[in-house]
Structure formats: C-alpha cells, structure tokens
Amino acid sequence: MIFENRTAFSIIRTVIDYTFSLVCLIILIPVILILALILFTTGKGPVIYTQNRIGKGGIPFKLYKFRSMHNNTDEGVLLISGKNDKRITSFGRFMRKHKLDEIPNFVNVLKGDMSIVGPRPEQQFFIQQIVTKNPDYKLLQKIKPGITSWGQVKYGYAENVDQMLERLEYDLHYLRHRSLWFDMKVGICTLGIIIRGEGV
C-alpha cells in the first residue's frame, strides 16, 4: 500500500527528512570544506555539479552533487555513468565508493525536491525508454525521489536501461511497502555500503 495519503506518516517523514538533512550538513561541514578544497585545487571545473532530474509528479529539478568527472565530459551526451567510466576522476572514484559525492543531495532535500529514502531520480531521456518497457515506472513519481533507495541497496547502480528495469522491481517493492521501519532499514544498509566503500 502507498502511504502518501496518510497525513501523519507524511508529516513525520517530512520532519525526519528536513531535520536529518540539516543535522548532516552541519556535522559534515569539515568534510564538505575538505572535499570542496580538493576539487577546487586538483581539477578544472565547478566544485558542485548540477544535472536535470525528474522528481515527484514528473516535475524536473536540479540535482546537486560534488563533481566526480572531468569537466565538460558530458556536454551534449546523455550517458549513464558506470564503474569503469573513464570520465570519472581518480578522486571522484573515491568519493563515489563512499557516496561522498552525494552529500549536496541534502540541499535538494531541504529544497523539497527529494527525501532521504526513495527511488533515485533519473533523467527524462532514460525515463522515456524505461516507461515504454514497463509503464509501472510512473508509479514511482507518486513519491519524492531519495538520496538512497531500496533499489540501490539491493541492486546497486544501473549502467544501462535494462539494468534500470531490473532495479525498478526493488523500487516498486519499496513503494508498496514503504514505512518508517523500511526507511530505517534502507538507511542502515546504506551506512554499511558507505563504510565498506561499495558504491560506484
């Protein structure tokens, strides 16, 4: 069952999202400054990378991340980044393994674009391809996308549309069974991934 219409659940979840994001950004200020300094001094390009993604209700928004690729490597080209992507810098690869590049996502949460837990937002170009093969993807747009997801925990990053479709089944499972306890489970599993450095 989708809980989005449950007022109490929505309010509690929103409070948790905003509080957790604000606390994390404050606690991580030293880490943020160090990462920003390294990115600023070791490579050309912006420290913060932005990309158009699709959120709740099919509304586009700007996703914020620390830049993990060489500058201007994706101009005019829509590619899904994978483990062996040569566009990723050596430091960017380290950040991705520990999901440090996604710290700016907390700003997206504070702006109301995202939640802590929810299906990861995709680009419109890839969504159109996914929907032609599985229209149920549109169900995910009933809720806000998340910094982490059950799909990422159980499947990992998808490097092509076929893998996105496989990961979709985990996100649909989350959608049907989402609860505060499920969110906590996803969060704990994600913490383990961060500590072990098992991100892309």
N, C-alpha and C. Protein backbone atom coordinates (compact mmCIF):
# COMPACT_ATOMS: atom_id res chain seq x y z
N MET A 1 0.83 -1.21 0.00
CA MET A 1 0.00 0.00 0.00
C MET A 1 0.86 1.25 0.00
N ILE A 2 0.49 2.26 -0.80
CA ILE A 2 1.22 3.51 -0.87
C ILE A 2 0.73 4.42 0.24
N PHE A 3 1.65 4.92 1.05
CA PHE A 3 1.31 5.68 2.26
C PHE A 3 1.20 7.17 2.03
N GLU A 4 1.35 7.64 0.79
CA GLU A 4 1.45 9.07 0.55
C GLU A 4 0.24 9.82 1.05
N ASN A 5 -0.94 9.19 1.09
CA ASN A 5 -2.15 9.87 1.54
C ASN A 5 -2.33 9.85 3.05
N ARG A 6 -1.45 9.20 3.75
CA ARG A 6 -1.54 9.15 5.19
C ARG A 6 -0.87 10.40 5.78
N THR A 7 -1.69 11.32 6.22
CA THR A 7 -1.19 12.62 6.67
C THR A 7 -0.13 12.50 7.75
N ALA A 8 -0.37 11.70 8.78
CA ALA A 8 0.58 11.57 9.88
C ALA A 8 1.91 11.03 9.38
N PHE A 9 1.87 10.01 8.54
CA PHE A 9 3.09 9.42 8.00
C PHE A 9 3.87 10.45 7.20
N SER A 10 3.16 11.21 6.37
CA SER A 10 3.81 12.21 5.53
C SER A 10 4.46 13.31 6.36
N ILE A 11 3.77 13.75 7.40
CA ILE A 11 4.30 14.81 8.26
C ILE A 11 5.55 14.35 8.99
N ILE A 12 5.47 13.16 9.60
CA ILE A 12 6.61 12.61 10.34
C ILE A 12 7.81 12.43 9.41
N ARG A 13 7.54 11.89 8.24
CA ARG A 13 8.62 11.64 7.28
C ARG A 13 9.26 12.95 6.82
N THR A 14 8.45 13.97 6.60
CA THR A 14 8.98 15.27 6.17
C THR A 14 9.84 15.89 7.27
N VAL A 15 9.38 15.79 8.52
CA VAL A 15 10.16 16.32 9.64
C VAL A 15 11.50 15.60 9.74
N ILE A 16 11.48 14.28 9.59
CA ILE A 16 12.71 13.49 9.64
C ILE A 16 13.65 13.90 8.50
N ASP A 17 13.09 14.04 7.30
CA ASP A 17 13.90 14.42 6.14
C ASP A 17 14.63 15.74 6.38
N TYR A 18 13.88 16.75 6.79
CA TYR A 18 14.46 18.08 6.97
C TYR A 18 15.44 18.11 8.14
N THR A 19 15.06 17.50 9.24
CA THR A 19 15.93 17.50 10.42
C THR A 19 17.23 16.75 10.16
N PHE A 20 17.11 15.56 9.60
CA PHE A 20 18.29 14.74 9.32
C PHE A 20 19.22 15.43 8.33
N SER A 21 18.66 16.03 7.29
CA SER A 21 19.47 16.70 6.28
C SER A 21 20.21 17.90 6.86
N LEU A 22 19.51 18.68 7.66
CA LEU A 22 20.13 19.86 8.27
C LEU A 22 21.25 19.46 9.22
N VAL A 23 20.99 18.46 10.06
CA VAL A 23 22.00 17.99 11.01
C VAL A 23 23.23 17.44 10.27
N CYS A 24 22.98 16.65 9.20
CA CYS A 24 24.09 16.08 8.44
C CYS A 24 24.94 17.17 7.81
N LEU A 25 24.30 18.19 7.24
CA LEU A 25 25.06 19.26 6.60
C LEU A 25 25.90 20.03 7.61
N ILE A 26 25.37 20.21 8.81
CA ILE A 26 26.13 20.91 9.85
C ILE A 26 27.30 20.06 10.33
N ILE A 27 27.03 18.79 10.61
CA ILE A 27 28.09 17.89 11.10
C ILE A 27 29.18 17.70 10.04
N LEU A 28 28.77 17.67 8.78
CA LEU A 28 29.71 17.38 7.70
C LEU A 28 30.40 18.62 7.15
N ILE A 29 30.24 19.77 7.79
CA ILE A 29 30.89 21.00 7.30
C ILE A 29 32.39 20.81 7.08
N PRO A 30 33.13 20.22 8.04
CA PRO A 30 34.57 20.00 7.79
C PRO A 30 34.83 19.13 6.56
N VAL A 31 34.04 18.06 6.40
CA VAL A 31 34.21 17.16 5.24
C VAL A 31 33.88 17.90 3.95
N ILE A 32 32.81 18.68 3.98
CA ILE A 32 32.40 19.45 2.80
C ILE A 32 33.50 20.43 2.38
N LEU A 33 34.09 21.12 3.35
CA LEU A 33 35.14 22.09 3.05
C LEU A 33 36.38 21.40 2.48
N ILE A 34 36.73 20.24 3.05
CA ILE A 34 37.90 19.50 2.55
C ILE A 34 37.66 19.01 1.13
N LEU A 35 36.48 18.43 0.88
CA LEU A 35 36.17 17.93 -0.46
C LEU A 35 36.16 19.08 -1.48
N ALA A 36 35.56 20.20 -1.09
CA ALA A 36 35.49 21.36 -1.98
C ALA A 36 36.89 21.89 -2.30
N LEU A 37 37.75 21.92 -1.29
CA LEU A 37 39.12 22.40 -1.49
C LEU A 37 39.89 21.48 -2.43
N ILE A 38 39.75 20.18 -2.23
CA ILE A 38 40.45 19.22 -3.09
C ILE A 38 39.97 19.34 -4.53
N LEU A 39 38.66 19.44 -4.73
CA LEU A 39 38.11 19.56 -6.07
C LEU A 39 38.52 20.86 -6.73
N PHE A 40 38.59 21.92 -5.94
CA PHE A 40 38.95 23.24 -6.47
C PHE A 40 40.41 23.30 -6.89
N THR A 41 41.27 22.61 -6.16
CA THR A 41 42.71 22.71 -6.41
C THR A 41 43.28 21.62 -7.31
N THR A 42 42.53 20.55 -7.53
CA THR A 42 43.09 19.43 -8.30
C THR A 42 42.49 19.26 -9.69
N GLY A 43 41.54 20.07 -10.06
CA GLY A 43 40.96 19.89 -11.38
C GLY A 43 40.16 21.09 -11.83
N LYS A 44 40.04 21.22 -13.14
CA LYS A 44 39.26 22.31 -13.70
C LYS A 44 37.77 21.98 -13.61
N GLY A 45 36.97 23.02 -13.53
CA GLY A 45 35.53 22.81 -13.49
C GLY A 45 34.94 23.18 -12.15
N PRO A 46 33.63 23.20 -12.09
CA PRO A 46 32.93 23.59 -10.85
C PRO A 46 33.08 22.52 -9.76
N VAL A 47 33.02 22.97 -8.52
CA VAL A 47 33.05 22.03 -7.39
C VAL A 47 31.74 21.27 -7.31
N ILE A 48 30.64 22.00 -7.51
CA ILE A 48 29.30 21.39 -7.48
C ILE A 48 28.81 21.16 -8.90
N TYR A 49 28.39 19.96 -9.17
CA TYR A 49 27.86 19.58 -10.48
C TYR A 49 26.33 19.52 -10.39
N THR A 50 25.66 20.06 -11.37
CA THR A 50 24.19 20.02 -11.39
C THR A 50 23.71 19.28 -12.63
N GLN A 51 22.60 18.59 -12.47
CA GLN A 51 22.02 17.86 -13.61
C GLN A 51 20.50 17.84 -13.46
N ASN A 52 19.80 17.97 -14.56
CA ASN A 52 18.34 17.93 -14.54
C ASN A 52 17.87 16.50 -14.28
N ARG A 53 17.05 16.33 -13.26
CA ARG A 53 16.42 15.04 -12.97
C ARG A 53 14.93 15.24 -12.83
N ILE A 54 14.18 14.15 -12.80
CA ILE A 54 12.72 14.21 -12.70
C ILE A 54 12.29 13.76 -11.30
N GLY A 55 11.46 14.57 -10.66
CA GLY A 55 11.03 14.28 -9.31
C GLY A 55 9.57 13.89 -9.20
N LYS A 56 9.01 14.08 -8.04
CA LYS A 56 7.62 13.73 -7.77
C LYS A 56 6.69 14.46 -8.73
N GLY A 57 5.71 13.71 -9.25
CA GLY A 57 4.76 14.31 -10.17
C GLY A 57 5.32 14.60 -11.54
N GLY A 58 6.52 14.06 -11.82
CA GLY A 58 7.14 14.29 -13.12
C GLY A 58 7.74 15.69 -13.26
N ILE A 59 7.91 16.39 -12.14
CA ILE A 59 8.44 17.75 -12.15
C ILE A 59 9.97 17.72 -12.15
N PRO A 60 10.61 18.40 -13.10
CA PRO A 60 12.08 18.41 -13.14
C PRO A 60 12.68 19.29 -12.06
N PHE A 61 13.90 18.95 -11.65
CA PHE A 61 14.62 19.77 -10.68
C PHE A 61 16.12 19.60 -10.91
N LYS A 62 16.89 20.49 -10.31
CA LYS A 62 18.34 20.43 -10.44
C LYS A 62 18.92 19.58 -9.30
N LEU A 63 19.59 18.50 -9.66
CA LEU A 63 20.23 17.64 -8.66
C LEU A 63 21.65 18.16 -8.41
N TYR A 64 22.03 18.30 -7.14
CA TYR A 64 23.36 18.78 -6.78
C TYR A 64 24.25 17.63 -6.33
N LYS A 65 25.47 17.61 -6.85
CA LYS A 65 26.46 16.62 -6.44
C LYS A 65 27.84 17.26 -6.49
N PHE A 66 28.79 16.69 -5.76
CA PHE A 66 30.17 17.09 -5.95
C PHE A 66 30.63 16.52 -7.29
N ARG A 67 31.35 17.32 -8.05
CA ARG A 67 31.80 16.88 -9.37
C ARG A 67 32.78 15.72 -9.23
N SER A 68 32.46 14.60 -9.85
CA SER A 68 33.32 13.42 -9.78
C SER A 68 33.90 13.05 -11.14
N MET A 69 33.57 13.84 -12.17
CA MET A 69 34.08 13.57 -13.51
C MET A 69 34.94 14.74 -13.99
N HIS A 70 35.71 14.45 -15.04
CA HIS A 70 36.46 15.51 -15.68
C HIS A 70 35.46 16.53 -16.23
N ASN A 71 35.83 17.79 -16.24
CA ASN A 71 34.92 18.86 -16.65
C ASN A 71 34.52 18.74 -18.12
N ASN A 72 33.25 19.03 -18.40
CA ASN A 72 32.70 19.09 -19.76
C ASN A 72 32.73 17.75 -20.50
N THR A 73 32.79 16.64 -19.78
CA THR A 73 32.82 15.34 -20.45
C THR A 73 31.45 14.83 -20.85
N ASP A 74 30.38 15.50 -20.37
CA ASP A 74 29.04 15.01 -20.70
C ASP A 74 28.24 16.03 -21.48
N GLU A 75 28.90 17.05 -22.02
CA GLU A 75 28.18 18.08 -22.76
C GLU A 75 27.59 17.50 -24.03
N GLY A 76 26.27 17.61 -24.18
CA GLY A 76 25.59 17.15 -25.37
C GLY A 76 25.45 15.65 -25.46
N VAL A 77 25.90 14.93 -24.46
CA VAL A 77 25.84 13.47 -24.48
C VAL A 77 25.16 12.96 -23.23
N LEU A 78 24.14 12.12 -23.43
CA LEU A 78 23.44 11.54 -22.29
C LEU A 78 23.93 10.11 -22.10
N LEU A 79 24.80 9.92 -21.13
CA LEU A 79 25.34 8.61 -20.84
C LEU A 79 25.14 8.28 -19.37
N ILE A 80 24.97 7.00 -19.09
CA ILE A 80 24.87 6.55 -17.71
C ILE A 80 26.27 6.21 -17.23
N SER A 81 26.63 6.76 -16.10
CA SER A 81 27.97 6.51 -15.57
C SER A 81 28.04 5.13 -14.96
N GLY A 82 29.12 4.41 -15.27
CA GLY A 82 29.32 3.07 -14.74
C GLY A 82 30.62 2.94 -13.98
N LYS A 83 30.90 1.74 -13.50
CA LYS A 83 32.09 1.50 -12.68
C LYS A 83 33.38 1.81 -13.42
N ASN A 84 33.43 1.49 -14.72
CA ASN A 84 34.66 1.66 -15.50
C ASN A 84 34.62 2.88 -16.40
N ASP A 85 33.78 3.84 -16.05
CA ASP A 85 33.64 5.06 -16.84
C ASP A 85 34.93 5.87 -16.78
N LYS A 86 35.54 6.09 -17.93
CA LYS A 86 36.81 6.82 -17.99
C LYS A 86 36.64 8.31 -17.72
N ARG A 87 35.41 8.79 -17.69
CA ARG A 87 35.18 10.21 -17.40
C ARG A 87 35.35 10.52 -15.92
N ILE A 88 35.32 9.49 -15.08
CA ILE A 88 35.42 9.68 -13.63
C ILE A 88 36.89 9.92 -13.25
N THR A 89 37.13 10.93 -12.44
CA THR A 89 38.48 11.21 -11.96
C THR A 89 38.85 10.21 -10.86
N SER A 90 40.14 10.14 -10.55
CA SER A 90 40.57 9.21 -9.51
C SER A 90 39.97 9.59 -8.16
N PHE A 91 39.93 10.89 -7.87
CA PHE A 91 39.34 11.33 -6.61
C PHE A 91 37.82 11.17 -6.65
N GLY A 92 37.25 11.37 -7.83
CA GLY A 92 35.81 11.16 -8.00
C GLY A 92 35.42 9.73 -7.74
N ARG A 93 36.29 8.81 -8.14
CA ARG A 93 36.01 7.39 -7.90
C ARG A 93 36.01 7.09 -6.40
N PHE A 94 36.94 7.72 -5.68
CA PHE A 94 36.99 7.54 -4.22
C PHE A 94 35.70 8.09 -3.59
N MET A 95 35.27 9.26 -4.02
CA MET A 95 34.05 9.85 -3.47
C MET A 95 32.85 8.95 -3.74
N ARG A 96 32.78 8.42 -4.94
CA ARG A 96 31.63 7.60 -5.30
C ARG A 96 31.59 6.30 -4.47
N LYS A 97 32.74 5.73 -4.22
CA LYS A 97 32.76 4.49 -3.44
C LYS A 97 32.15 4.69 -2.05
N HIS A 98 32.37 5.88 -1.49
CA HIS A 98 31.85 6.18 -0.16
C HIS A 98 30.67 7.14 -0.20
N LYS A 99 30.14 7.36 -1.41
CA LYS A 99 28.96 8.21 -1.63
C LYS A 99 29.15 9.64 -1.13
N LEU A 100 30.39 10.09 -1.07
CA LEU A 100 30.66 11.46 -0.63
C LEU A 100 30.20 12.48 -1.66
N ASP A 101 30.16 12.07 -2.93
CA ASP A 101 29.72 13.00 -3.99
C ASP A 101 28.25 13.37 -3.84
N GLU A 102 27.50 12.57 -3.07
CA GLU A 102 26.07 12.81 -2.94
C GLU A 102 25.71 13.67 -1.73
N ILE A 103 26.71 14.14 -0.98
CA ILE A 103 26.43 14.99 0.17
C ILE A 103 25.57 16.21 -0.19
N PRO A 104 25.83 16.88 -1.34
CA PRO A 104 24.99 18.02 -1.71
C PRO A 104 23.52 17.66 -1.95
N ASN A 105 23.22 16.36 -2.06
CA ASN A 105 21.81 15.94 -2.19
C ASN A 105 20.98 16.39 -1.00
N PHE A 106 21.64 16.58 0.16
CA PHE A 106 20.91 17.04 1.34
C PHE A 106 20.31 18.42 1.11
N VAL A 107 20.95 19.22 0.27
CA VAL A 107 20.39 20.53 -0.09
C VAL A 107 19.10 20.34 -0.89
N ASN A 108 19.10 19.33 -1.76
CA ASN A 108 17.88 19.01 -2.52
C ASN A 108 16.74 18.63 -1.60
N VAL A 109 17.07 17.93 -0.50
CA VAL A 109 16.05 17.55 0.47
C VAL A 109 15.49 18.80 1.15
N LEU A 110 16.36 19.70 1.55
CA LEU A 110 15.92 20.94 2.21
C LEU A 110 15.10 21.82 1.26
N LYS A 111 15.36 21.70 -0.04
CA LYS A 111 14.59 22.47 -1.02
C LYS A 111 13.24 21.82 -1.30
N GLY A 112 13.05 20.59 -0.83
CA GLY A 112 11.79 19.88 -1.06
C GLY A 112 11.76 19.04 -2.32
N ASP A 113 12.91 18.93 -3.01
CA ASP A 113 12.96 18.13 -4.24
C ASP A 113 13.02 16.64 -3.96
N MET A 114 13.67 16.27 -2.83
CA MET A 114 13.95 14.87 -2.55
C MET A 114 13.67 14.52 -1.10
N SER A 115 13.69 13.23 -0.83
CA SER A 115 13.62 12.70 0.54
C SER A 115 14.94 11.98 0.82
N ILE A 116 15.13 11.56 2.05
CA ILE A 116 16.32 10.77 2.37
C ILE A 116 16.22 9.41 1.68
N VAL A 117 15.06 8.77 1.79
CA VAL A 117 14.85 7.46 1.17
C VAL A 117 13.76 7.55 0.11
N GLY A 118 14.02 6.98 -1.03
CA GLY A 118 13.07 6.98 -2.13
C GLY A 118 13.81 6.56 -3.39
N PRO A 119 13.11 6.21 -4.44
CA PRO A 119 13.79 5.80 -5.68
C PRO A 119 14.68 6.91 -6.20
N ARG A 120 15.86 6.55 -6.67
CA ARG A 120 16.78 7.56 -7.18
C ARG A 120 16.18 8.23 -8.42
N PRO A 121 16.32 9.55 -8.53
CA PRO A 121 15.75 10.26 -9.69
C PRO A 121 16.56 10.00 -10.95
N GLU A 122 15.87 9.89 -12.07
CA GLU A 122 16.53 9.64 -13.35
C GLU A 122 16.35 10.85 -14.27
N GLN A 123 17.07 10.82 -15.37
CA GLN A 123 16.92 11.84 -16.40
C GLN A 123 15.72 11.49 -17.28
N GLN A 124 15.06 12.50 -17.82
CA GLN A 124 13.86 12.29 -18.62
C GLN A 124 14.14 11.38 -19.82
N PHE A 125 15.30 11.52 -20.42
CA PHE A 125 15.67 10.73 -21.60
C PHE A 125 15.58 9.23 -21.30
N PHE A 126 16.09 8.83 -20.15
CA PHE A 126 16.08 7.41 -19.79
C PHE A 126 14.71 6.97 -19.27
N ILE A 127 14.00 7.87 -18.61
CA ILE A 127 12.66 7.54 -18.13
C ILE A 127 11.76 7.18 -19.29
N GLN A 128 11.85 7.90 -20.38
CA GLN A 128 11.02 7.61 -21.55
C GLN A 128 11.28 6.21 -22.07
N GLN A 129 12.53 5.78 -22.04
CA GLN A 129 12.86 4.43 -22.50
C GLN A 129 12.35 3.37 -21.53
N ILE A 130 12.47 3.66 -20.23
CA ILE A 130 12.02 2.71 -19.21
C ILE A 130 10.51 2.51 -19.30
N VAL A 131 9.77 3.62 -19.43
CA VAL A 131 8.31 3.57 -19.42
C VAL A 131 7.77 2.77 -20.61
N THR A 132 8.45 2.82 -21.75
CA THR A 132 7.98 2.06 -22.90
C THR A 132 8.05 0.56 -22.65
N LYS A 133 8.95 0.15 -21.76
CA LYS A 133 9.11 -1.27 -21.45
C LYS A 133 8.37 -1.69 -20.18
N ASN A 134 8.23 -0.75 -19.26
CA ASN A 134 7.49 -1.03 -18.02
C ASN A 134 6.82 0.26 -17.54
N PRO A 135 5.54 0.46 -17.90
CA PRO A 135 4.82 1.68 -17.52
C PRO A 135 4.69 1.88 -16.01
N ASP A 136 4.94 0.81 -15.23
CA ASP A 136 4.82 0.93 -13.78
C ASP A 136 5.86 1.90 -13.20
N TYR A 137 6.85 2.24 -14.00
CA TYR A 137 7.83 3.20 -13.51
C TYR A 137 7.15 4.50 -13.08
N LYS A 138 6.08 4.86 -13.78
CA LYS A 138 5.36 6.11 -13.48
C LYS A 138 4.83 6.12 -12.05
N LEU A 139 4.61 4.94 -11.47
CA LEU A 139 4.12 4.87 -10.09
C LEU A 139 5.13 5.47 -9.11
N LEU A 140 6.42 5.37 -9.45
CA LEU A 140 7.45 5.91 -8.57
C LEU A 140 7.34 7.42 -8.43
N GLN A 141 6.72 8.06 -9.41
CA GLN A 141 6.60 9.51 -9.37
C GLN A 141 5.48 10.00 -8.45
N LYS A 142 4.86 9.05 -7.76
CA LYS A 142 3.87 9.42 -6.74
C LYS A 142 4.56 9.91 -5.46
N ILE A 143 5.85 9.60 -5.33
CA ILE A 143 6.60 9.99 -4.13
C ILE A 143 7.87 10.72 -4.55
N LYS A 144 8.49 11.39 -3.57
CA LYS A 144 9.74 12.09 -3.86
C LYS A 144 10.87 11.09 -4.08
N PRO A 145 11.78 11.39 -4.98
CA PRO A 145 12.97 10.54 -5.12
C PRO A 145 13.85 10.68 -3.89
N GLY A 146 14.79 9.77 -3.71
CA GLY A 146 15.59 9.78 -2.49
C GLY A 146 17.09 9.83 -2.72
N ILE A 147 17.81 10.18 -1.68
CA ILE A 147 19.27 10.13 -1.71
C ILE A 147 19.72 8.68 -1.79
N THR A 148 19.00 7.80 -1.10
CA THR A 148 19.28 6.37 -1.18
C THR A 148 17.97 5.64 -1.40
N SER A 149 18.06 4.41 -1.83
CA SER A 149 16.84 3.66 -2.17
C SER A 149 17.04 2.17 -1.92
N TRP A 150 15.93 1.46 -1.84
CA TRP A 150 15.98 0.01 -1.70
C TRP A 150 16.59 -0.60 -2.96
N GLY A 151 16.33 0.02 -4.10
CA GLY A 151 16.91 -0.46 -5.35
C GLY A 151 18.42 -0.38 -5.34
N GLN A 152 18.97 0.73 -4.82
CA GLN A 152 20.41 0.87 -4.75
C GLN A 152 21.02 -0.09 -3.73
N VAL A 153 20.33 -0.29 -2.63
CA VAL A 153 20.84 -1.19 -1.59
C VAL A 153 20.89 -2.64 -2.10
N LYS A 154 19.83 -3.07 -2.75
CA LYS A 154 19.72 -4.47 -3.16
C LYS A 154 20.33 -4.75 -4.53
N TYR A 155 20.31 -3.73 -5.40
CA TYR A 155 20.78 -3.96 -6.77
C TYR A 155 22.06 -3.19 -7.07
N GLY A 156 22.14 -1.97 -6.60
CA GLY A 156 23.29 -1.13 -6.90
C GLY A 156 23.00 -0.17 -8.03
N TYR A 157 24.03 0.45 -8.55
CA TYR A 157 23.86 1.40 -9.65
C TYR A 157 23.57 0.65 -10.95
N ALA A 158 22.73 1.24 -11.76
CA ALA A 158 22.39 0.66 -13.07
C ALA A 158 23.20 1.37 -14.14
N GLU A 159 23.80 0.60 -15.05
CA GLU A 159 24.66 1.16 -16.08
C GLU A 159 23.98 1.23 -17.44
N ASN A 160 22.76 0.71 -17.54
CA ASN A 160 22.01 0.81 -18.80
C ASN A 160 20.52 0.66 -18.49
N VAL A 161 19.69 0.84 -19.49
CA VAL A 161 18.24 0.82 -19.29
C VAL A 161 17.76 -0.55 -18.82
N ASP A 162 18.34 -1.63 -19.34
CA ASP A 162 17.93 -2.97 -18.92
C ASP A 162 18.18 -3.16 -17.42
N GLN A 163 19.31 -2.68 -16.94
CA GLN A 163 19.59 -2.78 -15.52
C GLN A 163 18.67 -1.87 -14.71
N MET A 164 18.31 -0.73 -15.27
CA MET A 164 17.34 0.15 -14.61
C MET A 164 16.00 -0.56 -14.42
N LEU A 165 15.62 -1.35 -15.42
CA LEU A 165 14.37 -2.09 -15.36
C LEU A 165 14.43 -3.18 -14.28
N GLU A 166 15.58 -3.81 -14.13
CA GLU A 166 15.75 -4.83 -13.09
C GLU A 166 15.69 -4.18 -11.71
N ARG A 167 16.36 -3.05 -11.56
CA ARG A 167 16.35 -2.35 -10.27
C ARG A 167 14.97 -1.80 -9.95
N LEU A 168 14.20 -1.50 -10.98
CA LEU A 168 12.84 -0.96 -10.80
C LEU A 168 11.99 -1.86 -9.92
N GLU A 169 12.16 -3.17 -10.03
CA GLU A 169 11.34 -4.10 -9.25
C GLU A 169 11.55 -3.89 -7.75
N TYR A 170 12.77 -3.58 -7.34
CA TYR A 170 13.05 -3.31 -5.92
C TYR A 170 12.41 -2.00 -5.48
N ASP A 171 12.44 -1.00 -6.35
CA ASP A 171 11.83 0.29 -6.01
C ASP A 171 10.31 0.19 -5.94
N LEU A 172 9.72 -0.63 -6.80
CA LEU A 172 8.27 -0.85 -6.74
C LEU A 172 7.90 -1.59 -5.46
N HIS A 173 8.76 -2.51 -5.04
CA HIS A 173 8.53 -3.22 -3.77
C HIS A 173 8.55 -2.22 -2.62
N TYR A 174 9.52 -1.31 -2.65
CA TYR A 174 9.58 -0.28 -1.60
C TYR A 174 8.33 0.58 -1.62
N LEU A 175 7.87 0.94 -2.81
CA LEU A 175 6.68 1.79 -2.94
C LEU A 175 5.46 1.12 -2.31
N ARG A 176 5.34 -0.18 -2.50
CA ARG A 176 4.17 -0.91 -1.99
C ARG A 176 4.24 -1.11 -0.47
N HIS A 177 5.45 -1.14 0.07
CA HIS A 177 5.61 -1.48 1.49
C HIS A 177 6.28 -0.39 2.31
N ARG A 178 6.37 0.81 1.79
CA ARG A 178 7.13 1.86 2.47
C ARG A 178 6.56 2.19 3.84
N SER A 179 7.45 2.37 4.78
CA SER A 179 7.10 2.71 6.15
C SER A 179 8.35 3.31 6.80
N LEU A 180 8.19 3.84 7.99
CA LEU A 180 9.33 4.40 8.70
C LEU A 180 10.37 3.32 9.01
N TRP A 181 9.87 2.11 9.33
CA TRP A 181 10.77 1.00 9.61
C TRP A 181 11.54 0.59 8.36
N PHE A 182 10.87 0.58 7.23
CA PHE A 182 11.53 0.24 5.97
C PHE A 182 12.58 1.29 5.64
N ASP A 183 12.24 2.57 5.86
CA ASP A 183 13.21 3.65 5.64
C ASP A 183 14.44 3.46 6.51
N MET A 184 14.22 3.08 7.76
CA MET A 184 15.34 2.87 8.68
C MET A 184 16.22 1.72 8.19
N LYS A 185 15.59 0.66 7.70
CA LYS A 185 16.33 -0.49 7.17
C LYS A 185 17.19 -0.07 5.99
N VAL A 186 16.63 0.73 5.08
CA VAL A 186 17.38 1.21 3.92
C VAL A 186 18.55 2.08 4.38
N GLY A 187 18.29 2.93 5.37
CA GLY A 187 19.33 3.81 5.89
C GLY A 187 20.49 3.04 6.50
N ILE A 188 20.18 2.01 7.29
CA ILE A 188 21.22 1.20 7.92
C ILE A 188 22.05 0.45 6.88
N CYS A 189 21.36 -0.10 5.89
CA CYS A 189 22.07 -0.81 4.81
C CYS A 189 22.96 0.15 4.02
N THR A 190 22.47 1.36 3.81
CA THR A 190 23.26 2.36 3.07
C THR A 190 24.50 2.75 3.85
N LEU A 191 24.36 2.88 5.17
CA LEU A 191 25.51 3.21 6.01
C LEU A 191 26.59 2.14 5.89
N GLY A 192 26.17 0.90 5.83
CA GLY A 192 27.13 -0.20 5.66
C GLY A 192 27.87 -0.09 4.33
N ILE A 193 27.14 0.28 3.27
CA ILE A 193 27.74 0.44 1.95
C ILE A 193 28.76 1.57 1.96
N ILE A 194 28.43 2.67 2.65
CA ILE A 194 29.33 3.82 2.74
C ILE A 194 30.60 3.45 3.48
N ILE A 195 30.47 2.77 4.60
CA ILE A 195 31.63 2.38 5.41
C ILE A 195 32.54 1.41 4.65
N ARG A 196 31.91 0.47 3.95
CA ARG A 196 32.69 -0.53 3.22
C ARG A 196 33.22 0.00 1.89
N GLY A 197 32.74 1.16 1.46
CA GLY A 197 33.18 1.72 0.18
C GLY A 197 32.72 0.92 -1.01
N GLU A 198 31.44 0.51 -0.99
CA GLU A 198 30.92 -0.35 -2.03
C GLU A 198 30.09 0.39 -3.08
N GLY A 199 30.17 1.74 -3.05
CA GLY A 199 29.47 2.50 -4.09
C GLY A 199 30.24 2.40 -5.38
N VAL A 200 29.74 3.06 -6.45
CA VAL A 200 30.43 3.01 -7.73
C VAL A 200 31.70 3.85 -7.64
